């Protein structure tokens, strides 16, 4: 479910804390997150398409953790839903949950890229 609150898309305070207040480290973390999550998302989508729920849950777990550490709260919550569905073997509503997670991740990435610009 999309949010209009920029703070839940990206909690900048959380990101700054993760970087210890160091702007250059923060930008490096942003770059690493963008590259890592961009590399992992196709695996999540493929696992969901192939109904490989255990693998999907593992990938979502990693994306949830890295998103939370970066302050991408909305994406972290959306990936948690996908992770829990994978662990529970739940397929009802899976397509929507994956679409929501991908959309939340895109919003977060957009905000992170604007920081680095």
C-alpha atoms as a PDB file:
ATOM      1  CA  UNK A   1       0.000   0.000   0.000  1.00  0.00           C
ATOM      2  CA  UNK A   2       1.577   3.273  -1.119  1.00  0.00           C
ATOM      3  CA  UNK A   3       2.302   6.025   1.310  1.00  0.00           C
ATOM      4  CA  UNK A   4       2.321   9.767   0.860  1.00  0.00           C
ATOM      5  CA  UNK A   5       4.508  10.365   3.920  1.00  0.00           C
ATOM      6  CA  UNK A   6       8.093  10.955   2.735  1.00  0.00           C
ATOM      7  CA  UNK A   7       9.399   9.983   6.195  1.00  0.00           C
ATOM      8  CA  UNK A   8       8.117   6.411   5.818  1.00  0.00           C
ATOM      9  CA  UNK A   9       9.540   6.136   2.304  1.00  0.00           C
ATOM     10  CA  UNK A  10      12.936   7.252   3.632  1.00  0.00           C
ATOM     11  CA  UNK A  11      13.661   7.990   7.256  1.00  0.00           C
ATOM     12  CA  UNK A  12      16.692  10.197   6.718  1.00  0.00           C
ATOM     13  CA  UNK A  13      17.468  10.271  10.420  1.00  0.00           C
ATOM     14  CA  UNK A  14      17.800   6.460  10.415  1.00  0.00           C
ATOM     15  CA  UNK A  15      20.091   6.578   7.381  1.00  0.00           C
ATOM     16  CA  UNK A  16      22.263   9.247   8.979  1.00  0.00           C
ATOM     17  CA  UNK A  17      22.497   7.113  12.136  1.00  0.00           C
ATOM     18  CA  UNK A  18      23.555   4.098  10.071  1.00  0.00           C
ATOM     19  CA  UNK A  19      26.390   6.208   8.656  1.00  0.00           C
ATOM     20  CA  UNK A  20      27.354   7.657  12.025  1.00  0.00           C
ATOM     21  CA  UNK A  21      26.615  11.134  10.698  1.00  0.00           C
ATOM     22  CA  UNK A  22      29.360  10.813   8.061  1.00  0.00           C
ATOM     23  CA  UNK A  23      27.986  12.200   4.770  1.00  0.00           C
ATOM     24  CA  UNK A  24      30.507  10.413   2.549  1.00  0.00           C
ATOM     25  CA  UNK A  25      29.839   7.097   4.304  1.00  0.00           C
ATOM     26  CA  UNK A  26      26.109   7.707   3.933  1.00  0.00           C
ATOM     27  CA  UNK A  27      26.513   8.200   0.183  1.00  0.00           C
ATOM     28  CA  UNK A  28      28.607   5.034  -0.010  1.00  0.00           C
ATOM     29  CA  UNK A  29      25.914   3.102   1.866  1.00  0.00           C
ATOM     30  CA  UNK A  30      23.302   4.482  -0.519  1.00  0.00           C
ATOM     31  CA  UNK A  31      25.349   3.352  -3.498  1.00  0.00           C
ATOM     32  CA  UNK A  32      25.858  -0.123  -2.022  1.00  0.00           C
ATOM     33  CA  UNK A  33      22.180  -0.505  -1.174  1.00  0.00           C
ATOM     34  CA  UNK A  34      21.071   0.576  -4.634  1.00  0.00           C
ATOM     35  CA  UNK A  35      23.452  -1.850  -6.345  1.00  0.00           C
ATOM     36  CA  UNK A  36      22.758  -4.758  -3.978  1.00  0.00           C
ATOM     37  CA  UNK A  37      18.992  -4.432  -3.921  1.00  0.00           C
ATOM     38  CA  UNK A  38      18.888  -3.902  -7.678  1.00  0.00           C
ATOM     39  CA  UNK A  39      20.802  -7.178  -8.081  1.00  0.00           C
ATOM     40  CA  UNK A  40      18.569  -9.082  -5.629  1.00  0.00           C
ATOM     41  CA  UNK A  41      15.135  -7.892  -6.710  1.00  0.00           C
ATOM     42  CA  UNK A  42      15.059  -9.955  -9.944  1.00  0.00           C
ATOM     43  CA  UNK A  43      15.679 -13.083  -7.854  1.00  0.00           C
ATOM     44  CA  UNK A  44      12.739 -12.211  -5.645  1.00  0.00           C
ATOM     45  CA  UNK A  45      10.493 -11.638  -8.655  1.00  0.00           C
ATOM     46  CA  UNK A  46      11.630 -14.880 -10.310  1.00  0.00           C
ATOM     47  CA  UNK A  47      11.087 -16.882  -7.121  1.00  0.00           C
ATOM     48  CA  UNK A  48       7.592 -15.413  -6.771  1.00  0.00           C
ATOM     49  CA  UNK A  49       6.778 -16.147 -10.424  1.00  0.00           C
ATOM     50  CA  UNK A  50       8.010 -19.720 -10.026  1.00  0.00           C
ATOM     51  CA  UNK A  51       6.213 -20.060  -6.665  1.00  0.00           C
ATOM     52  CA  UNK A  52       9.499 -20.977  -4.976  1.00  0.00           C
ATOM     53  CA  UNK A  53       8.239 -19.584  -1.713  1.00  0.00           C
ATOM     54  CA  UNK A  54      11.154 -20.613   0.495  1.00  0.00           C
ATOM     55  CA  UNK A  55      13.685 -18.915  -1.808  1.00  0.00           C
ATOM     56  CA  UNK A  56      11.380 -15.917  -2.187  1.00  0.00           C
ATOM     57  CA  UNK A  57      11.180 -15.601   1.596  1.00  0.00           C
ATOM     58  CA  UNK A  58      14.972 -15.730   1.965  1.00  0.00           C
ATOM     59  CA  UNK A  59      15.514 -13.005  -0.626  1.00  0.00           C
ATOM     60  CA  UNK A  60      12.739 -10.866   0.878  1.00  0.00           C
ATOM     61  CA  UNK A  61      14.334 -11.311   4.318  1.00  0.00           C
ATOM     62  CA  UNK A  62      17.608  -9.848   3.071  1.00  0.00           C
ATOM     63  CA  UNK A  63      15.893  -6.983   1.286  1.00  0.00           C
ATOM     64  CA  UNK A  64      13.816  -6.264   4.384  1.00  0.00           C
ATOM     65  CA  UNK A  65      16.910  -6.033   6.572  1.00  0.00           C
ATOM     66  CA  UNK A  66      18.925  -3.850   4.255  1.00  0.00           C
ATOM     67  CA  UNK A  67      15.933  -1.605   3.611  1.00  0.00           C
ATOM     68  CA  UNK A  68      15.335  -1.176   7.341  1.00  0.00           C
ATOM     69  CA  UNK A  69      19.004  -0.359   7.951  1.00  0.00           C
ATOM     70  CA  UNK A  70      18.838   2.314   5.257  1.00  0.00           C
ATOM     71  CA  UNK A  71      15.713   3.884   6.726  1.00  0.00           C
ATOM     72  CA  UNK A  72      13.507   2.677   3.861  1.00  0.00           C
ATOM     73  CA  UNK A  73      10.671   1.873   6.235  1.00  0.00           C
ATOM     74  CA  UNK A  74       7.859   1.394   3.736  1.00  0.00           C
ATOM     75  CA  UNK A  75       9.981  -0.990   1.627  1.00  0.00           C
ATOM     76  CA  UNK A  76      11.105  -2.897   4.727  1.00  0.00           C
ATOM     77  CA  UNK A  77       7.479  -3.418   5.793  1.00  0.00           C
ATOM     78  CA  UNK A  78       6.475  -4.523   2.292  1.00  0.00           C
ATOM     79  CA  UNK A  79       9.385  -6.972   2.049  1.00  0.00           C
ATOM     80  CA  UNK A  80       8.444  -8.316   5.496  1.00  0.00           C
ATOM     81  CA  UNK A  81       4.970  -9.176   4.187  1.00  0.00           C
ATOM     82  CA  UNK A  82       6.505 -11.051   1.238  1.00  0.00           C
ATOM     83  CA  UNK A  83       8.970 -12.787   3.567  1.00  0.00           C
ATOM     84  CA  UNK A  84       6.175 -13.928   5.880  1.00  0.00           C
ATOM     85  CA  UNK A  85       4.114 -15.194   2.954  1.00  0.00           C
ATOM     86  CA  UNK A  86       7.109 -17.196   1.766  1.00  0.00           C
ATOM     87  CA  UNK A  87       7.708 -18.716   5.187  1.00  0.00           C
ATOM     88  CA  UNK A  88       4.032 -19.570   5.584  1.00  0.00           C
ATOM     89  CA  UNK A  89       3.726 -20.971   2.060  1.00  0.00           C
ATOM     90  CA  UNK A  90       0.939 -18.484   1.403  1.00  0.00           C
ATOM     91  CA  UNK A  91       0.126 -17.792  -2.232  1.00  0.00           C
ATOM     92  CA  UNK A  92      -3.196 -15.966  -1.833  1.00  0.00           C
ATOM     93  CA  UNK A  93      -2.476 -12.300  -2.506  1.00  0.00           C
ATOM     94  CA  UNK A  94       1.152 -12.997  -3.355  1.00  0.00           C
ATOM     95  CA  UNK A  95       1.183 -11.121  -6.668  1.00  0.00           C
ATOM     96  CA  UNK A  96      -0.180  -7.987  -5.022  1.00  0.00           C
ATOM     97  CA  UNK A  97       2.253  -8.218  -2.117  1.00  0.00           C
ATOM     98  CA  UNK A  98       5.192  -8.563  -4.486  1.00  0.00           C
ATOM     99  CA  UNK A  99       3.959  -5.638  -6.604  1.00  0.00           C
ATOM    100  CA  UNK A 100       3.559  -3.528  -3.451  1.00  0.00           C
ATOM    101  CA  UNK A 101       7.086  -4.415  -2.314  1.00  0.00           C
ATOM    102  CA  UNK A 102       8.556  -3.599  -5.694  1.00  0.00           C
ATOM    103  CA  UNK A 103       6.708  -0.265  -5.802  1.00  0.00           C
ATOM    104  CA  UNK A 104       7.814   0.644  -2.263  1.00  0.00           C
ATOM    105  CA  UNK A 105      11.399  -0.280  -3.170  1.00  0.00           C
ATOM    106  CA  UNK A 106      11.233   1.930  -6.279  1.00  0.00           C
ATOM    107  CA  UNK A 107       9.987   4.893  -4.229  1.00  0.00           C
ATOM    108  CA  UNK A 108      12.794   4.363  -1.724  1.00  0.00           C
ATOM    109  CA  UNK A 109      15.417   4.106  -4.465  1.00  0.00           C
ATOM    110  CA  UNK A 110      14.122   7.291  -6.026  1.00  0.00           C
ATOM    111  CA  UNK A 111      14.502   9.137  -2.723  1.00  0.00           C
ATOM    112  CA  UNK A 112      17.975   7.664  -2.141  1.00  0.00           C
ATOM    113  CA  UNK A 113      19.127   8.647  -5.613  1.00  0.00           C
ATOM    114  CA  UNK A 114      17.950  12.203  -4.991  1.00  0.00           C
ATOM    115  CA  UNK A 115      20.260  12.349  -1.972  1.00  0.00           C
ATOM    116  CA  UNK A 116      23.258  11.356  -4.037  1.00  0.00           C
ATOM    117  CA  UNK A 117      22.493  13.850  -6.813  1.00  0.00           C
END
